[in-house]
Amino acid sequence: MTEVDISSITENTDPIEALREAAALRHRLEGQEEVLVHRARVAGTTWTQIAEALGVSKQAVHKKYGGRRLFGRTEA
């Protein structure tokens, strides 16, 4: 895995500014994760494989990304 430099957050002397930066980074990462899960599912990757890659249970990943939400549909 590639190292990610988060020193701008961890070395920030202003805790409120560091928290804002951390929240912004988390938001970007969550959005990217959703895109990657969608790409994996379209490519035929199983929920089990995705869960293993993310280090969570199959149930957790399916609850977060499963069903219609992943493909942008919310209707029943």
Protein backbone atom coordinates (compact mmCIF):
# COMPACT_ATOMS: atom_id res chain seq x y z
CA MET A 1 0.00 0.00 0.00
CA THR A 2 1.19 3.50 -0.78
CA GLU A 3 1.91 5.84 2.13
CA VAL A 4 -0.35 8.87 2.29
CA ASP A 5 1.08 12.04 3.79
CA ILE A 6 -1.31 13.36 6.43
CA SER A 7 1.27 15.48 8.20
CA SER A 8 -0.69 18.63 7.38
CA ILE A 9 -3.34 17.23 9.72
CA THR A 10 -1.25 15.49 12.36
CA GLU A 11 1.27 18.29 12.71
CA ASN A 12 -1.26 21.12 12.64
CA THR A 13 -1.05 23.10 15.88
CA ASP A 14 -4.64 24.34 15.53
CA PRO A 15 -6.86 21.40 16.53
CA ILE A 16 -10.01 22.90 15.01
CA GLU A 17 -8.32 23.44 11.66
CA ALA A 18 -6.87 19.92 11.82
CA LEU A 19 -10.33 18.49 12.55
CA ARG A 20 -11.77 20.33 9.55
CA GLU A 21 -8.99 18.98 7.34
CA ALA A 22 -9.54 15.46 8.69
CA ALA A 23 -13.29 15.69 8.05
CA ALA A 24 -12.72 16.94 4.50
CA LEU A 25 -10.27 14.11 3.82
CA ARG A 26 -12.70 11.53 5.25
CA HIS A 27 -15.48 12.88 3.03
CA ARG A 28 -13.31 12.62 -0.07
CA LEU A 29 -12.20 9.10 0.83
CA GLU A 30 -15.75 7.91 1.50
CA GLY A 31 -16.84 9.24 -1.88
CA GLN A 32 -13.95 7.50 -3.61
CA GLU A 33 -14.64 4.27 -1.74
CA GLU A 34 -18.24 4.32 -2.97
CA VAL A 35 -17.07 4.78 -6.56
CA LEU A 36 -14.61 1.90 -6.21
CA VAL A 37 -17.22 -0.41 -4.68
CA HIS A 38 -19.56 0.41 -7.56
CA ARG A 39 -16.81 -0.31 -10.10
CA ALA A 40 -15.99 -3.58 -8.37
CA ARG A 41 -19.63 -4.71 -8.38
CA VAL A 42 -20.06 -3.78 -12.06
CA ALA A 43 -16.94 -5.86 -12.78
CA GLY A 44 -18.51 -8.84 -11.02
CA THR A 45 -16.64 -8.70 -7.71
CA THR A 46 -18.53 -10.39 -4.88
CA TRP A 47 -19.57 -8.66 -1.68
CA THR A 48 -17.26 -11.05 0.18
CA GLN A 49 -14.25 -9.97 -1.90
CA ILE A 50 -15.08 -6.29 -1.42
CA ALA A 51 -15.52 -6.79 2.33
CA GLU A 52 -12.15 -8.54 2.56
CA ALA A 53 -10.46 -5.71 0.66
CA LEU A 54 -12.00 -3.14 3.02
CA GLY A 55 -11.30 -5.17 6.16
CA VAL A 56 -14.94 -5.37 7.21
CA SER A 57 -17.64 -8.02 7.28
CA LYS A 58 -19.71 -8.85 4.22
CA GLN A 59 -22.79 -7.72 6.12
CA ALA A 60 -21.23 -4.34 6.95
CA VAL A 61 -20.23 -3.58 3.37
CA HIS A 62 -23.55 -4.75 1.99
CA LYS A 63 -25.44 -2.63 4.53
CA LYS A 64 -23.40 0.45 3.60
CA TYR A 65 -23.35 0.01 -0.18
CA GLY A 66 -25.77 -2.77 -1.03
CA GLY A 67 -29.01 -2.74 -2.90
CA ARG A 68 -30.32 0.15 -4.90
CA ARG A 69 -28.28 2.84 -3.11
CA LEU A 70 -25.04 1.77 -4.82
CA PHE A 71 -26.45 2.40 -8.26
CA GLY A 72 -28.10 5.68 -7.35
CA ARG A 73 -31.62 4.29 -7.12
CA THR A 74 -33.70 4.79 -4.02
CA GLU A 75 -37.11 3.63 -5.19
CA ALA A 76 -38.47 0.30 -4.01
